[in-house]
Amino acid sequence: AGDYSKTAPKRLLIVVEKPTVNGSS
């Protein structure tokens, strides 16, 4: 929330998704 003096969170998650257009990549 704009305060970058905070220590990073203990648990992080990267959400990886496949992009498709009309069902195809």
mmCIF file of all heavy atoms, coordinates in Angstrom:
data_MODEL
# 
_entry.id   MODEL 
# 
loop_
_atom_site.group_PDB 
_atom_site.id 
_atom_site.type_symbol 
_atom_site.label_atom_id 
_atom_site.label_alt_id 
_atom_site.label_comp_id 
_atom_site.label_asym_id 
_atom_site.label_entity_id 
_atom_site.label_seq_id 
_atom_site.pdbx_PDB_ins_code 
_atom_site.Cartn_x 
_atom_site.Cartn_y 
_atom_site.Cartn_z 
_atom_site.occupancy 
_atom_site.B_iso_or_equiv 
_atom_site.pdbx_formal_charge 
_atom_site.auth_seq_id 
_atom_site.auth_comp_id 
_atom_site.auth_asym_id 
_atom_site.auth_atom_id 
_atom_site.pdbx_PDB_model_num 
ATOM 1   N N   . ALA A 1 1  ? 0.821   -1.217  0.000   1.00 0.00 ? 1  ALA A N   1 
ATOM 2   C CA  . ALA A 1 1  ? 0.000   0.000   0.000   1.00 0.00 ? 1  ALA A CA  1 
ATOM 3   C C   . ALA A 1 1  ? 0.858   1.273   0.000   1.00 0.00 ? 1  ALA A C   1 
ATOM 4   O O   . ALA A 1 1  ? 0.565   2.238   0.702   1.00 0.00 ? 1  ALA A O   1 
ATOM 5   C CB  . ALA A 1 1  ? -0.944  -0.006  1.208   1.00 0.00 ? 1  ALA A CB  1 
ATOM 6   N N   . GLY A 1 2  ? 1.923   1.244   -0.781  1.00 0.00 ? 2  GLY A N   1 
ATOM 7   C CA  . GLY A 1 2  ? 2.782   2.416   -0.902  1.00 0.00 ? 2  GLY A CA  1 
ATOM 8   C C   . GLY A 1 2  ? 3.877   2.545   0.138   1.00 0.00 ? 2  GLY A C   1 
ATOM 9   O O   . GLY A 1 2  ? 4.724   3.436   0.047   1.00 0.00 ? 2  GLY A O   1 
ATOM 10  N N   . ASP A 1 3  ? 3.889   1.664   1.133   1.00 0.00 ? 3  ASP A N   1 
ATOM 11  C CA  . ASP A 1 3  ? 4.918   1.712   2.177   1.00 0.00 ? 3  ASP A CA  1 
ATOM 12  C C   . ASP A 1 3  ? 5.930   0.601   1.922   1.00 0.00 ? 3  ASP A C   1 
ATOM 13  O O   . ASP A 1 3  ? 5.721   -0.552  2.324   1.00 0.00 ? 3  ASP A O   1 
ATOM 14  C CB  . ASP A 1 3  ? 4.278   1.541   3.559   1.00 0.00 ? 3  ASP A CB  1 
ATOM 15  C CG  . ASP A 1 3  ? 5.315   1.569   4.689   1.00 0.00 ? 3  ASP A CG  1 
ATOM 16  O OD1 . ASP A 1 3  ? 6.518   1.783   4.397   1.00 0.00 ? 3  ASP A OD1 1 
ATOM 17  O OD2 . ASP A 1 3  ? 4.926   1.362   5.856   1.00 0.00 ? 3  ASP A OD2 1 
ATOM 18  N N   . TYR A 1 4  ? 7.037   0.952   1.264   1.00 0.00 ? 4  TYR A N   1 
ATOM 19  C CA  . TYR A 1 4  ? 8.009   -0.064  0.866   1.00 0.00 ? 4  TYR A CA  1 
ATOM 20  C C   . TYR A 1 4  ? 9.120   -0.258  1.895   1.00 0.00 ? 4  TYR A C   1 
ATOM 21  O O   . TYR A 1 4  ? 10.131  -0.899  1.603   1.00 0.00 ? 4  TYR A O   1 
ATOM 22  C CB  . TYR A 1 4  ? 8.561   0.287   -0.523  1.00 0.00 ? 4  TYR A CB  1 
ATOM 23  C CG  . TYR A 1 4  ? 7.437   0.403   -1.517  1.00 0.00 ? 4  TYR A CG  1 
ATOM 24  C CD1 . TYR A 1 4  ? 7.041   1.651   -2.009  1.00 0.00 ? 4  TYR A CD1 1 
ATOM 25  C CD2 . TYR A 1 4  ? 6.728   -0.722  -1.914  1.00 0.00 ? 4  TYR A CD2 1 
ATOM 26  C CE1 . TYR A 1 4  ? 5.977   1.756   -2.887  1.00 0.00 ? 4  TYR A CE1 1 
ATOM 27  C CE2 . TYR A 1 4  ? 5.663   -0.622  -2.795  1.00 0.00 ? 4  TYR A CE2 1 
ATOM 28  C CZ  . TYR A 1 4  ? 5.295   0.624   -3.275  1.00 0.00 ? 4  TYR A CZ  1 
ATOM 29  O OH  . TYR A 1 4  ? 4.230   0.723   -4.133  1.00 0.00 ? 4  TYR A OH  1 
ATOM 30  N N   . SER A 1 5  ? 8.891   0.284   3.099   1.00 0.00 ? 5  SER A N   1 
ATOM 31  C CA  . SER A 1 5  ? 9.795   -0.019  4.204   1.00 0.00 ? 5  SER A CA  1 
ATOM 32  C C   . SER A 1 5  ? 9.402   -1.323  4.884   1.00 0.00 ? 5  SER A C   1 
ATOM 33  O O   . SER A 1 5  ? 10.156  -1.849  5.712   1.00 0.00 ? 5  SER A O   1 
ATOM 34  C CB  . SER A 1 5  ? 9.786   1.119   5.224   1.00 0.00 ? 5  SER A CB  1 
ATOM 35  O OG  . SER A 1 5  ? 8.511   1.232   5.848   1.00 0.00 ? 5  SER A OG  1 
ATOM 36  N N   . LYS A 1 6  ? 8.242   -1.855  4.535   1.00 0.00 ? 6  LYS A N   1 
ATOM 37  C CA  . LYS A 1 6  ? 7.779   -3.110  5.139   1.00 0.00 ? 6  LYS A CA  1 
ATOM 38  C C   . LYS A 1 6  ? 8.624   -4.291  4.674   1.00 0.00 ? 6  LYS A C   1 
ATOM 39  O O   . LYS A 1 6  ? 9.073   -4.343  3.530   1.00 0.00 ? 6  LYS A O   1 
ATOM 40  C CB  . LYS A 1 6  ? 6.324   -3.377  4.749   1.00 0.00 ? 6  LYS A CB  1 
ATOM 41  C CG  . LYS A 1 6  ? 5.294   -2.432  5.309   1.00 0.00 ? 6  LYS A CG  1 
ATOM 42  C CD  . LYS A 1 6  ? 3.919   -2.873  4.839   1.00 0.00 ? 6  LYS A CD  1 
ATOM 43  C CE  . LYS A 1 6  ? 2.811   -1.973  5.363   1.00 0.00 ? 6  LYS A CE  1 
ATOM 44  N NZ  . LYS A 1 6  ? 1.487   -2.398  4.856   1.00 0.00 ? 6  LYS A NZ  1 
ATOM 45  N N   . THR A 1 7  ? 8.796   -5.254  5.574   1.00 0.00 ? 7  THR A N   1 
ATOM 46  C CA  . THR A 1 7  ? 9.419   -6.516  5.199   1.00 0.00 ? 7  THR A CA  1 
ATOM 47  C C   . THR A 1 7  ? 8.452   -7.302  4.332   1.00 0.00 ? 7  THR A C   1 
ATOM 48  O O   . THR A 1 7  ? 7.236   -7.299  4.567   1.00 0.00 ? 7  THR A O   1 
ATOM 49  C CB  . THR A 1 7  ? 9.785   -7.333  6.447   1.00 0.00 ? 7  THR A CB  1 
ATOM 50  O OG1 . THR A 1 7  ? 10.746  -6.592  7.210   1.00 0.00 ? 7  THR A OG1 1 
ATOM 51  C CG2 . THR A 1 7  ? 10.361  -8.683  6.078   1.00 0.00 ? 7  THR A CG2 1 
ATOM 52  N N   . ALA A 1 8  ? 8.961   -7.966  3.314   1.00 0.00 ? 8  ALA A N   1 
ATOM 53  C CA  . ALA A 1 8  ? 8.114   -8.738  2.400   1.00 0.00 ? 8  ALA A CA  1 
ATOM 54  C C   . ALA A 1 8  ? 7.305   -9.790  3.153   1.00 0.00 ? 8  ALA A C   1 
ATOM 55  O O   . ALA A 1 8  ? 7.750   -10.309 4.185   1.00 0.00 ? 8  ALA A O   1 
ATOM 56  C CB  . ALA A 1 8  ? 8.989   -9.397  1.345   1.00 0.00 ? 8  ALA A CB  1 
ATOM 57  N N   . PRO A 1 9  ? 6.119   -10.121 2.662   1.00 0.00 ? 9  PRO A N   1 
ATOM 58  C CA  . PRO A 1 9  ? 5.269   -11.117 3.329   1.00 0.00 ? 9  PRO A CA  1 
ATOM 59  C C   . PRO A 1 9  ? 5.945   -12.476 3.441   1.00 0.00 ? 9  PRO A C   1 
ATOM 60  O O   . PRO A 1 9  ? 6.860   -12.806 2.675   1.00 0.00 ? 9  PRO A O   1 
ATOM 61  C CB  . PRO A 1 9  ? 4.042   -11.190 2.410   1.00 0.00 ? 9  PRO A CB  1 
ATOM 62  C CG  . PRO A 1 9  ? 4.040   -9.941  1.635   1.00 0.00 ? 9  PRO A CG  1 
ATOM 63  C CD  . PRO A 1 9  ? 5.477   -9.555  1.463   1.00 0.00 ? 9  PRO A CD  1 
ATOM 64  N N   . LYS A 1 10 ? 5.453   -13.276 4.372   1.00 0.00 ? 10 LYS A N   1 
ATOM 65  C CA  . LYS A 1 10 ? 6.021   -14.594 4.610   1.00 0.00 ? 10 LYS A CA  1 
ATOM 66  C C   . LYS A 1 10 ? 5.601   -15.611 3.555   1.00 0.00 ? 10 LYS A C   1 
ATOM 67  O O   . LYS A 1 10 ? 6.335   -16.572 3.294   1.00 0.00 ? 10 LYS A O   1 
ATOM 68  C CB  . LYS A 1 10 ? 5.609   -15.114 5.995   1.00 0.00 ? 10 LYS A CB  1 
ATOM 69  C CG  . LYS A 1 10 ? 6.218   -14.338 7.154   1.00 0.00 ? 10 LYS A CG  1 
ATOM 70  C CD  . LYS A 1 10 ? 7.734   -14.477 7.177   1.00 0.00 ? 10 LYS A CD  1 
ATOM 71  C CE  . LYS A 1 10 ? 8.340   -13.805 8.399   1.00 0.00 ? 10 LYS A CE  1 
ATOM 72  N NZ  . LYS A 1 10 ? 9.826   -13.881 8.370   1.00 0.00 ? 10 LYS A NZ  1 
ATOM 73  N N   . ARG A 1 11 ? 4.433   -15.431 2.978   1.00 0.00 ? 11 ARG A N   1 
ATOM 74  C CA  . ARG A 1 11 ? 3.942   -16.397 1.987   1.00 0.00 ? 11 ARG A CA  1 
ATOM 75  C C   . ARG A 1 11 ? 3.518   -15.657 0.725   1.00 0.00 ? 11 ARG A C   1 
ATOM 76  O O   . ARG A 1 11 ? 2.690   -14.745 0.777   1.00 0.00 ? 11 ARG A O   1 
ATOM 77  C CB  . ARG A 1 11 ? 2.797   -17.232 2.554   1.00 0.00 ? 11 ARG A CB  1 
ATOM 78  C CG  . ARG A 1 11 ? 3.247   -18.152 3.697   1.00 0.00 ? 11 ARG A CG  1 
ATOM 79  C CD  . ARG A 1 11 ? 2.117   -19.039 4.193   1.00 0.00 ? 11 ARG A CD  1 
ATOM 80  N NE  . ARG A 1 11 ? 2.622   -20.005 5.146   1.00 0.00 ? 11 ARG A NE  1 
ATOM 81  C CZ  . ARG A 1 11 ? 2.742   -19.773 6.453   1.00 0.00 ? 11 ARG A CZ  1 
ATOM 82  N NH1 . ARG A 1 11 ? 2.387   -18.595 6.953   1.00 0.00 ? 11 ARG A NH1 1 
ATOM 83  N NH2 . ARG A 1 11 ? 3.224   -20.705 7.255   1.00 0.00 ? 11 ARG A NH2 1 
ATOM 84  N N   . LEU A 1 12 ? 4.092   -16.070 -0.399  1.00 0.00 ? 12 LEU A N   1 
ATOM 85  C CA  . LEU A 1 12 ? 3.839   -15.444 -1.690  1.00 0.00 ? 12 LEU A CA  1 
ATOM 86  C C   . LEU A 1 12 ? 3.340   -16.480 -2.678  1.00 0.00 ? 12 LEU A C   1 
ATOM 87  O O   . LEU A 1 12 ? 3.643   -17.681 -2.557  1.00 0.00 ? 12 LEU A O   1 
ATOM 88  C CB  . LEU A 1 12 ? 5.119   -14.794 -2.229  1.00 0.00 ? 12 LEU A CB  1 
ATOM 89  C CG  . LEU A 1 12 ? 5.723   -13.671 -1.393  1.00 0.00 ? 12 LEU A CG  1 
ATOM 90  C CD1 . LEU A 1 12 ? 7.128   -13.344 -1.884  1.00 0.00 ? 12 LEU A CD1 1 
ATOM 91  C CD2 . LEU A 1 12 ? 4.831   -12.428 -1.449  1.00 0.00 ? 12 LEU A CD2 1 
ATOM 92  N N   . LEU A 1 13 ? 2.617   -16.013 -3.671  1.00 0.00 ? 13 LEU A N   1 
ATOM 93  C CA  . LEU A 1 13 ? 2.054   -16.905 -4.678  1.00 0.00 ? 13 LEU A CA  1 
ATOM 94  C C   . LEU A 1 13 ? 2.112   -16.231 -6.038  1.00 0.00 ? 13 LEU A C   1 
ATOM 95  O O   . LEU A 1 13 ? 1.683   -15.089 -6.204  1.00 0.00 ? 13 LEU A O   1 
ATOM 96  C CB  . LEU A 1 13 ? 0.605   -17.243 -4.337  1.00 0.00 ? 13 LEU A CB  1 
ATOM 97  C CG  . LEU A 1 13 ? -0.018  -18.405 -5.115  1.00 0.00 ? 13 LEU A CG  1 
ATOM 98  C CD1 . LEU A 1 13 ? 0.558   -19.727 -4.629  1.00 0.00 ? 13 LEU A CD1 1 
ATOM 99  C CD2 . LEU A 1 13 ? -1.531  -18.402 -4.961  1.00 0.00 ? 13 LEU A CD2 1 
ATOM 100 N N   . ILE A 1 14 ? 2.677   -16.929 -7.012  1.00 0.00 ? 14 ILE A N   1 
ATOM 101 C CA  . ILE A 1 14 ? 2.671   -16.481 -8.406  1.00 0.00 ? 14 ILE A CA  1 
ATOM 102 C C   . ILE A 1 14 ? 1.663   -17.334 -9.152  1.00 0.00 ? 14 ILE A C   1 
ATOM 103 O O   . ILE A 1 14 ? 1.740   -18.571 -9.131  1.00 0.00 ? 14 ILE A O   1 
ATOM 104 C CB  . ILE A 1 14 ? 4.063   -16.621 -9.044  1.00 0.00 ? 14 ILE A CB  1 
ATOM 105 C CG1 . ILE A 1 14 ? 5.095   -15.771 -8.287  1.00 0.00 ? 14 ILE A CG1 1 
ATOM 106 C CG2 . ILE A 1 14 ? 4.022   -16.224 -10.517 1.00 0.00 ? 14 ILE A CG2 1 
ATOM 107 C CD1 . ILE A 1 14 ? 6.533   -16.048 -8.700  1.00 0.00 ? 14 ILE A CD1 1 
ATOM 108 N N   . VAL A 1 15 ? 0.709   -16.698 -9.810  1.00 0.00 ? 15 VAL A N   1 
ATOM 109 C CA  . VAL A 1 15 ? -0.357  -17.397 -10.531 1.00 0.00 ? 15 VAL A CA  1 
ATOM 110 C C   . VAL A 1 15 ? 0.019   -17.466 -12.006 1.00 0.00 ? 15 VAL A C   1 
ATOM 111 O O   . VAL A 1 15 ? 0.115   -16.442 -12.682 1.00 0.00 ? 15 VAL A O   1 
ATOM 112 C CB  . VAL A 1 15 ? -1.709  -16.681 -10.359 1.00 0.00 ? 15 VAL A CB  1 
ATOM 113 C CG1 . VAL A 1 15 ? -2.814  -17.440 -11.089 1.00 0.00 ? 15 VAL A CG1 1 
ATOM 114 C CG2 . VAL A 1 15 ? -2.045  -16.534 -8.876  1.00 0.00 ? 15 VAL A CG2 1 
ATOM 115 N N   . VAL A 1 16 ? 0.259   -18.670 -12.506 1.00 0.00 ? 16 VAL A N   1 
ATOM 116 C CA  . VAL A 1 16 ? 0.700   -18.865 -13.892 1.00 0.00 ? 16 VAL A CA  1 
ATOM 117 C C   . VAL A 1 16 ? -0.470  -19.387 -14.714 1.00 0.00 ? 16 VAL A C   1 
ATOM 118 O O   . VAL A 1 16 ? -1.065  -20.421 -14.380 1.00 0.00 ? 16 VAL A O   1 
ATOM 119 C CB  . VAL A 1 16 ? 1.881   -19.842 -13.961 1.00 0.00 ? 16 VAL A CB  1 
ATOM 120 C CG1 . VAL A 1 16 ? 2.382   -19.978 -15.404 1.00 0.00 ? 16 VAL A CG1 1 
ATOM 121 C CG2 . VAL A 1 16 ? 3.015   -19.377 -13.044 1.00 0.00 ? 16 VAL A CG2 1 
ATOM 122 N N   . GLU A 1 17 ? -0.783  -18.665 -15.797 1.00 0.00 ? 17 GLU A N   1 
ATOM 123 C CA  . GLU A 1 17 ? -1.949  -18.996 -16.615 1.00 0.00 ? 17 GLU A CA  1 
ATOM 124 C C   . GLU A 1 17 ? -1.586  -19.037 -18.088 1.00 0.00 ? 17 GLU A C   1 
ATOM 125 O O   . GLU A 1 17 ? -0.725  -18.283 -18.549 1.00 0.00 ? 17 GLU A O   1 
ATOM 126 C CB  . GLU A 1 17 ? -3.051  -17.944 -16.393 1.00 0.00 ? 17 GLU A CB  1 
ATOM 127 C CG  . GLU A 1 17 ? -3.549  -17.914 -14.957 1.00 0.00 ? 17 GLU A CG  1 
ATOM 128 C CD  . GLU A 1 17 ? -4.249  -16.605 -14.615 1.00 0.00 ? 17 GLU A CD  1 
ATOM 129 O OE1 . GLU A 1 17 ? -3.614  -15.545 -14.803 1.00 0.00 ? 17 GLU A OE1 1 
ATOM 130 O OE2 . GLU A 1 17 ? -5.402  -16.656 -14.171 1.00 0.00 ? 17 GLU A OE2 1 
ATOM 131 N N   . LYS A 1 18 ? -2.259  -19.906 -18.816 1.00 0.00 ? 18 LYS A N   1 
ATOM 132 C CA  . LYS A 1 18 ? -2.038  -20.061 -20.250 1.00 0.00 ? 18 LYS A CA  1 
ATOM 133 C C   . LYS A 1 18 ? -2.993  -19.158 -21.011 1.00 0.00 ? 18 LYS A C   1 
ATOM 134 O O   . LYS A 1 18 ? -4.210  -19.230 -20.839 1.00 0.00 ? 18 LYS A O   1 
ATOM 135 C CB  . LYS A 1 18 ? -2.269  -21.515 -20.650 1.00 0.00 ? 18 LYS A CB  1 
ATOM 136 C CG  . LYS A 1 18 ? -2.177  -21.797 -22.139 1.00 0.00 ? 18 LYS A CG  1 
ATOM 137 C CD  . LYS A 1 18 ? -2.501  -23.257 -22.428 1.00 0.00 ? 18 LYS A CD  1 
ATOM 138 C CE  . LYS A 1 18 ? -2.491  -23.554 -23.916 1.00 0.00 ? 18 LYS A CE  1 
ATOM 139 N NZ  . LYS A 1 18 ? -2.810  -24.977 -24.192 1.00 0.00 ? 18 LYS A NZ  1 
ATOM 140 N N   . PRO A 1 19 ? -2.475  -18.284 -21.879 1.00 0.00 ? 19 PRO A N   1 
ATOM 141 C CA  . PRO A 1 19 ? -3.357  -17.420 -22.664 1.00 0.00 ? 19 PRO A CA  1 
ATOM 142 C C   . PRO A 1 19 ? -3.863  -18.140 -23.907 1.00 0.00 ? 19 PRO A C   1 
ATOM 143 O O   . PRO A 1 19 ? -3.107  -18.798 -24.627 1.00 0.00 ? 19 PRO A O   1 
ATOM 144 C CB  . PRO A 1 19 ? -2.436  -16.259 -23.046 1.00 0.00 ? 19 PRO A CB  1 
ATOM 145 C CG  . PRO A 1 19 ? -1.078  -16.871 -23.121 1.00 0.00 ? 19 PRO A CG  1 
ATOM 146 C CD  . PRO A 1 19 ? -1.050  -17.996 -22.113 1.00 0.00 ? 19 PRO A CD  1 
ATOM 147 N N   . THR A 1 20 ? -5.148  -18.036 -24.169 1.00 0.00 ? 20 THR A N   1 
ATOM 148 C CA  . THR A 1 20 ? -5.731  -18.623 -25.371 1.00 0.00 ? 20 THR A CA  1 
ATOM 149 C C   . THR A 1 20 ? -6.649  -17.617 -26.047 1.00 0.00 ? 20 THR A C   1 
ATOM 150 O O   . THR A 1 20 ? -7.253  -16.764 -25.386 1.00 0.00 ? 20 THR A O   1 
ATOM 151 C CB  . THR A 1 20 ? -6.531  -19.906 -25.072 1.00 0.00 ? 20 THR A CB  1 
ATOM 152 O OG1 . THR A 1 20 ? -7.658  -19.585 -24.244 1.00 0.00 ? 20 THR A OG1 1 
ATOM 153 C CG2 . THR A 1 20 ? -5.679  -20.943 -24.368 1.00 0.00 ? 20 THR A CG2 1 
ATOM 154 N N   . VAL A 1 21 ? -6.741  -17.721 -27.347 1.00 0.00 ? 21 VAL A N   1 
ATOM 155 C CA  . VAL A 1 21 ? -7.656  -16.915 -28.151 1.00 0.00 ? 21 VAL A CA  1 
ATOM 156 C C   . VAL A 1 21 ? -8.496  -17.894 -28.964 1.00 0.00 ? 21 VAL A C   1 
ATOM 157 O O   . VAL A 1 21 ? -7.959  -18.674 -29.758 1.00 0.00 ? 21 VAL A O   1 
ATOM 158 C CB  . VAL A 1 21 ? -6.888  -15.952 -29.075 1.00 0.00 ? 21 VAL A CB  1 
ATOM 159 C CG1 . VAL A 1 21 ? -7.856  -15.218 -29.999 1.00 0.00 ? 21 VAL A CG1 1 
ATOM 160 C CG2 . VAL A 1 21 ? -6.082  -14.958 -28.252 1.00 0.00 ? 21 VAL A CG2 1 
ATOM 161 N N   . ASN A 1 22 ? -9.798  -17.874 -28.730 1.00 0.00 ? 22 ASN A N   1 
ATOM 162 C CA  . ASN A 1 22 ? -10.704 -18.823 -29.385 1.00 0.00 ? 22 ASN A CA  1 
ATOM 163 C C   . ASN A 1 22 ? -10.246 -20.263 -29.180 1.00 0.00 ? 22 ASN A C   1 
ATOM 164 O O   . ASN A 1 22 ? -10.297 -21.098 -30.096 1.00 0.00 ? 22 ASN A O   1 
ATOM 165 C CB  . ASN A 1 22 ? -10.825 -18.512 -30.878 1.00 0.00 ? 22 ASN A CB  1 
ATOM 166 C CG  . ASN A 1 22 ? -11.447 -17.153 -31.135 1.00 0.00 ? 22 ASN A CG  1 
ATOM 167 O OD1 . ASN A 1 22 ? -12.351 -16.725 -30.414 1.00 0.00 ? 22 ASN A OD1 1 
ATOM 168 N ND2 . ASN A 1 22 ? -10.964 -16.457 -32.156 1.00 0.00 ? 22 ASN A ND2 1 
ATOM 169 N N   . GLY A 1 23 ? -9.761  -20.537 -27.981 1.00 0.00 ? 23 GLY A N   1 
ATOM 170 C CA  . GLY A 1 23 ? -9.385  -21.889 -27.610 1.00 0.00 ? 23 GLY A CA  1 
ATOM 171 C C   . GLY A 1 23 ? -8.022  -22.341 -28.082 1.00 0.00 ? 23 GLY A C   1 
ATOM 172 O O   . GLY A 1 23 ? -7.662  -23.508 -27.910 1.00 0.00 ? 23 GLY A O   1 
ATOM 173 N N   . SER A 1 24 ? -7.233  -21.443 -28.660 1.00 0.00 ? 24 SER A N   1 
ATOM 174 C CA  . SER A 1 24 ? -5.940  -21.835 -29.200 1.00 0.00 ? 24 SER A CA  1 
ATOM 175 C C   . SER A 1 24 ? -4.849  -20.881 -28.713 1.00 0.00 ? 24 SER A C   1 
ATOM 176 O O   . SER A 1 24 ? -5.115  -19.728 -28.385 1.00 0.00 ? 24 SER A O   1 
ATOM 177 C CB  . SER A 1 24 ? -5.983  -21.829 -30.730 1.00 0.00 ? 24 SER A CB  1 
ATOM 178 O OG  . SER A 1 24 ? -4.776  -22.311 -31.281 1.00 0.00 ? 24 SER A OG  1 
ATOM 179 N N   . SER A 1 25 ? -3.609  -21.369 -28.697 1.00 0.00 ? 25 SER A N   1 
ATOM 180 C CA  . SER A 1 25 ? -2.452  -20.550 -28.336 1.00 0.00 ? 25 SER A CA  1 
ATOM 181 C C   . SER A 1 25 ? -1.499  -20.489 -29.519 1.00 0.00 ? 25 SER A C   1 
ATOM 182 O O   . SER A 1 25 ? -1.432  -21.425 -30.320 1.00 0.00 ? 25 SER A O   1 
ATOM 183 C CB  . SER A 1 25 ? -1.726  -21.136 -27.118 1.00 0.00 ? 25 SER A CB  1 
ATOM 184 O OG  . SER A 1 25 ? -2.565  -21.097 -25.975 1.00 0.00 ? 25 SER A OG  1 
# 
